[in-house]
């Protein structure tokens, strides 16, 4: 029993329209989550070159975890 693989037509304009649509939704969700975190005093956490970086609610940046005091 072989599994049929779905082929994606990368030359299709519809593929890129959908890609753009979902990327835009994802970016907006992240932006809103960052705003909510700041409002509630929760640091935003990022991975920069394999290291965790924390953006504190006051805007300062640190590599020291705010949860491991």
C-alpha atoms as a PDB file:
ATOM      1  CA  UNK A   1       0.000   0.000   0.000  1.00  0.00           C
ATOM      2  CA  UNK A   2       1.654   3.191  -1.125  1.00  0.00           C
ATOM      3  CA  UNK A   3       0.817   6.634   0.132  1.00  0.00           C
ATOM      4  CA  UNK A   4       0.024   9.279  -2.449  1.00  0.00           C
ATOM      5  CA  UNK A   5       2.004  12.470  -1.880  1.00  0.00           C
ATOM      6  CA  UNK A   6       0.345  15.771  -2.588  1.00  0.00           C
ATOM      7  CA  UNK A   7       2.296  17.823  -5.092  1.00  0.00           C
ATOM      8  CA  UNK A   8       2.402  21.564  -4.499  1.00  0.00           C
ATOM      9  CA  UNK A   9       2.584  23.699  -7.612  1.00  0.00           C
ATOM     10  CA  UNK A  10       5.071  26.399  -6.591  1.00  0.00           C
ATOM     11  CA  UNK A  11       4.452  28.239  -9.846  1.00  0.00           C
ATOM     12  CA  UNK A  12       0.786  28.754  -8.962  1.00  0.00           C
ATOM     13  CA  UNK A  13      -0.169  32.305  -8.000  1.00  0.00           C
ATOM     14  CA  UNK A  14      -2.887  30.823  -5.771  1.00  0.00           C
ATOM     15  CA  UNK A  15      -0.204  29.093  -3.679  1.00  0.00           C
ATOM     16  CA  UNK A  16       1.533  32.407  -3.022  1.00  0.00           C
ATOM     17  CA  UNK A  17      -1.738  34.200  -2.302  1.00  0.00           C
ATOM     18  CA  UNK A  18      -2.573  31.590   0.343  1.00  0.00           C
ATOM     19  CA  UNK A  19       0.962  31.707   1.725  1.00  0.00           C
ATOM     20  CA  UNK A  20       0.751  35.496   2.070  1.00  0.00           C
ATOM     21  CA  UNK A  21      -2.735  35.269   3.627  1.00  0.00           C
ATOM     22  CA  UNK A  22      -1.706  32.790   6.329  1.00  0.00           C
ATOM     23  CA  UNK A  23       1.595  34.557   7.005  1.00  0.00           C
ATOM     24  CA  UNK A  24      -0.302  37.820   7.530  1.00  0.00           C
ATOM     25  CA  UNK A  25      -2.717  36.144   9.958  1.00  0.00           C
ATOM     26  CA  UNK A  26       0.179  34.592  11.897  1.00  0.00           C
ATOM     27  CA  UNK A  27       2.108  37.861  12.089  1.00  0.00           C
ATOM     28  CA  UNK A  28      -0.958  39.737  13.330  1.00  0.00           C
ATOM     29  CA  UNK A  29      -1.596  37.087  16.007  1.00  0.00           C
ATOM     30  CA  UNK A  30       2.005  37.362  17.227  1.00  0.00           C
ATOM     31  CA  UNK A  31       1.822  41.164  17.308  1.00  0.00           C
ATOM     32  CA  UNK A  32      -1.386  41.093  19.343  1.00  0.00           C
ATOM     33  CA  UNK A  33       0.088  38.521  21.752  1.00  0.00           C
ATOM     34  CA  UNK A  34       3.142  40.747  22.269  1.00  0.00           C
ATOM     35  CA  UNK A  35       0.888  43.704  23.103  1.00  0.00           C
ATOM     36  CA  UNK A  36      -1.165  41.591  25.539  1.00  0.00           C
ATOM     37  CA  UNK A  37       1.995  40.293  27.218  1.00  0.00           C
ATOM     38  CA  UNK A  38       3.256  43.828  27.753  1.00  0.00           C
ATOM     39  CA  UNK A  39      -0.126  44.932  29.114  1.00  0.00           C
ATOM     40  CA  UNK A  40      -0.082  42.080  31.655  1.00  0.00           C
ATOM     41  CA  UNK A  41       3.573  42.478  32.617  1.00  0.00           C
ATOM     42  CA  UNK A  42       4.748  39.292  30.889  1.00  0.00           C
ATOM     43  CA  UNK A  43       8.115  39.323  29.078  1.00  0.00           C
ATOM     44  CA  UNK A  44       8.203  38.450  25.383  1.00  0.00           C
ATOM     45  CA  UNK A  45      10.678  35.673  24.679  1.00  0.00           C
ATOM     46  CA  UNK A  46      12.654  35.331  21.448  1.00  0.00           C
ATOM     47  CA  UNK A  47      15.336  33.024  20.100  1.00  0.00           C
ATOM     48  CA  UNK A  48      18.245  34.985  18.667  1.00  0.00           C
ATOM     49  CA  UNK A  49      21.031  32.885  17.141  1.00  0.00           C
ATOM     50  CA  UNK A  50      20.170  29.959  19.417  1.00  0.00           C
ATOM     51  CA  UNK A  51      19.996  32.017  22.630  1.00  0.00           C
ATOM     52  CA  UNK A  52      16.869  32.977  24.514  1.00  0.00           C
ATOM     53  CA  UNK A  53      16.374  36.726  24.735  1.00  0.00           C
ATOM     54  CA  UNK A  54      13.722  38.332  26.927  1.00  0.00           C
ATOM     55  CA  UNK A  55      12.055  41.661  26.205  1.00  0.00           C
ATOM     56  CA  UNK A  56      10.805  42.928  29.529  1.00  0.00           C
ATOM     57  CA  UNK A  57       7.537  44.880  29.805  1.00  0.00           C
ATOM     58  CA  UNK A  58       9.552  48.091  30.351  1.00  0.00           C
ATOM     59  CA  UNK A  59      11.262  47.527  26.969  1.00  0.00           C
ATOM     60  CA  UNK A  60      14.639  46.407  28.317  1.00  0.00           C
ATOM     61  CA  UNK A  61      16.328  43.371  26.747  1.00  0.00           C
ATOM     62  CA  UNK A  62      18.122  40.665  28.728  1.00  0.00           C
ATOM     63  CA  UNK A  63      19.390  37.117  28.314  1.00  0.00           C
ATOM     64  CA  UNK A  64      18.752  36.378  32.004  1.00  0.00           C
ATOM     65  CA  UNK A  65      15.523  34.474  32.534  1.00  0.00           C
ATOM     66  CA  UNK A  66      13.018  36.473  34.580  1.00  0.00           C
ATOM     67  CA  UNK A  67      11.616  33.198  35.950  1.00  0.00           C
ATOM     68  CA  UNK A  68      14.898  31.813  37.329  1.00  0.00           C
ATOM     69  CA  UNK A  69      15.775  34.329  40.034  1.00  0.00           C
END
